[in-house]
Amino acid sequence: MEITIDDNLTIEAIQKEFSGAYPFLKIEFVSPSLKKTKAIAGSELFLPQRKLVTVRDKHTSGKISIDPERHVREVLDELEQTFGLSAKIFRKFGNMWIEAGLTDHWTLALQNSEGQEISETFTKK
């Protein structure tokens, strides 16, 4: 699957496509100055209604592959290097979301299946 990146899109449009493919993952966009920060408050995330033109420093249009076998780090690096977008990917953990930073070498498919398994375990308790 591919997601189109274009200045006229909103963050929400990308988030919906991403979560449609990976329901136990979510993608958030942050200021480049915060991308290395370990913990980010919700107030530091760009609002979903914002257009990409306002949150990126490169205005290249194109498509990014979010195939299941891609690693989280690959996707984040491509978003930054090709499209000028600083992003973080989070995995569902019960009723919370945790950043996939320590496991960014995992594939999107593995991240999503782990999120599903953990969430289902929490709901059974």
Protein backbone atom coordinates (compact mmCIF):
# COMPACT_ATOMS: atom_id res chain seq x y z
CA MET A 1 0.00 0.00 0.00
CA GLU A 2 1.08 3.54 -0.64
CA ILE A 3 0.12 6.86 0.87
CA THR A 4 0.28 10.00 -1.23
CA ILE A 5 2.06 12.95 0.34
CA ASP A 6 1.04 16.38 -0.91
CA ASP A 7 0.97 19.86 0.64
CA ASN A 8 -2.82 20.09 0.30
CA LEU A 9 -3.50 17.01 2.45
CA THR A 10 -4.29 17.23 6.12
CA ILE A 11 -2.50 15.25 8.78
CA GLU A 12 -5.80 13.53 9.49
CA ALA A 13 -6.03 12.20 5.92
CA ILE A 14 -2.67 10.47 6.29
CA GLN A 15 -3.54 9.20 9.76
CA LYS A 16 -6.78 7.65 8.48
CA GLU A 17 -5.04 5.86 5.61
CA PHE A 18 -2.28 4.60 7.89
CA SER A 19 -4.66 3.39 10.60
CA GLY A 20 -6.88 1.80 7.97
CA ALA A 21 -3.97 -0.44 7.04
CA TYR A 22 -2.71 -0.87 10.62
CA PRO A 23 -5.57 -0.51 13.14
CA PHE A 24 -3.32 -1.12 16.16
CA LEU A 25 -0.81 1.54 15.10
CA LYS A 26 -1.09 5.28 14.72
CA ILE A 27 1.13 7.90 13.18
CA GLU A 28 1.59 11.34 14.66
CA PHE A 29 3.48 14.34 13.32
CA VAL A 30 5.68 16.59 15.44
CA SER A 31 7.97 19.55 15.07
CA PRO A 32 11.44 18.52 13.85
CA SER A 33 12.86 19.89 17.12
CA LEU A 34 10.84 17.26 19.05
CA LYS A 35 11.53 14.19 16.94
CA LYS A 36 14.39 12.99 19.16
CA THR A 37 12.45 13.64 22.37
CA LYS A 38 11.63 10.43 24.23
CA ALA A 39 8.31 11.52 25.74
CA ILE A 40 5.97 13.86 23.95
CA ALA A 41 2.86 15.40 25.43
CA GLY A 42 -0.30 15.31 23.37
CA SER A 43 -0.21 19.08 23.16
CA GLU A 44 3.10 18.86 21.26
CA LEU A 45 1.59 16.85 18.39
CA PHE A 46 0.41 18.68 15.31
CA LEU A 47 -3.38 18.86 15.17
CA PRO A 48 -5.04 16.53 12.64
CA GLN A 49 -6.75 19.44 10.82
CA ARG A 50 -3.43 21.05 9.83
CA LYS A 51 -2.36 20.87 6.22
CA LEU A 52 0.99 19.32 5.44
CA VAL A 53 2.20 22.56 3.86
CA THR A 54 2.31 24.09 7.37
CA VAL A 55 4.28 21.33 9.08
CA ARG A 56 7.06 20.35 6.71
CA ASP A 57 10.22 21.92 5.41
CA LYS A 58 10.44 20.02 2.09
CA HIS A 59 7.50 20.32 -0.24
CA THR A 60 8.09 17.29 -2.42
CA SER A 61 4.96 15.44 -3.50
CA GLY A 62 4.97 11.69 -4.00
CA LYS A 63 4.03 8.34 -2.56
CA ILE A 64 5.43 6.42 0.37
CA SER A 65 5.14 2.66 0.71
CA ILE A 66 3.71 1.40 3.97
CA ASP A 67 3.93 -2.27 3.07
CA PRO A 68 3.74 -4.69 6.01
CA GLU A 69 7.37 -5.78 5.68
CA ARG A 70 8.78 -2.26 5.99
CA HIS A 71 10.41 -1.42 9.29
CA VAL A 72 9.08 1.47 11.35
CA ARG A 73 12.47 3.23 11.18
CA GLU A 74 12.49 2.99 7.35
CA VAL A 75 9.09 4.65 7.10
CA LEU A 76 10.01 7.41 9.54
CA ASP A 77 13.34 8.06 7.81
CA GLU A 78 11.72 8.26 4.38
CA LEU A 79 9.04 10.65 5.63
CA GLU A 80 11.75 12.91 7.00
CA GLN A 81 14.34 12.68 4.24
CA THR A 82 12.03 12.70 1.22
CA PHE A 83 9.05 14.71 2.43
CA GLY A 84 10.38 16.83 5.31
CA LEU A 85 7.94 15.35 7.82
CA SER A 86 8.91 14.46 11.38
CA ALA A 87 6.71 11.64 12.59
CA LYS A 88 6.39 9.05 15.33
CA ILE A 89 4.57 5.74 15.18
CA PHE A 90 2.72 4.43 18.21
CA ARG A 91 1.44 0.94 19.02
CA LYS A 92 -1.78 0.19 20.89
CA PHE A 93 -1.07 -1.17 24.37
CA GLY A 94 -4.37 -2.01 26.02
CA ASN A 95 -6.12 1.35 26.36
CA MET A 96 -2.90 3.37 25.86
CA TRP A 97 -0.56 4.16 22.99
CA ILE A 98 3.18 3.62 23.34
CA GLU A 99 5.82 4.90 20.98
CA ALA A 100 7.41 2.20 18.85
CA GLY A 101 10.82 3.83 19.33
CA LEU A 102 12.62 0.95 21.05
CA THR A 103 11.19 -1.50 18.54
CA ASP A 104 11.54 0.64 15.42
CA HIS A 105 13.50 -2.20 13.80
CA TRP A 106 10.29 -4.29 13.79
CA THR A 107 8.13 -4.41 10.69
CA LEU A 108 4.81 -2.63 10.54
CA ALA A 109 3.08 -6.03 10.41
CA LEU A 110 4.82 -7.22 13.57
CA GLN A 111 4.11 -3.95 15.39
CA ASN A 112 0.43 -4.16 14.43
CA SER A 113 0.07 -7.83 15.44
CA GLU A 114 1.77 -7.17 18.80
CA GLY A 115 -0.60 -4.27 19.39
CA GLN A 116 -3.57 -6.45 18.57
CA GLU A 117 -2.41 -9.28 20.81
CA ILE A 118 -1.72 -7.00 23.79
CA SER A 119 -5.00 -5.12 23.34
CA GLU A 120 -7.01 -8.33 23.14
CA THR A 121 -5.31 -9.61 26.30
CA PHE A 122 -6.27 -6.40 28.13
CA THR A 123 -9.90 -6.57 27.01
CA LYS A 124 -10.25 -10.19 28.20
CA LYS A 125 -9.27 -9.27 31.76
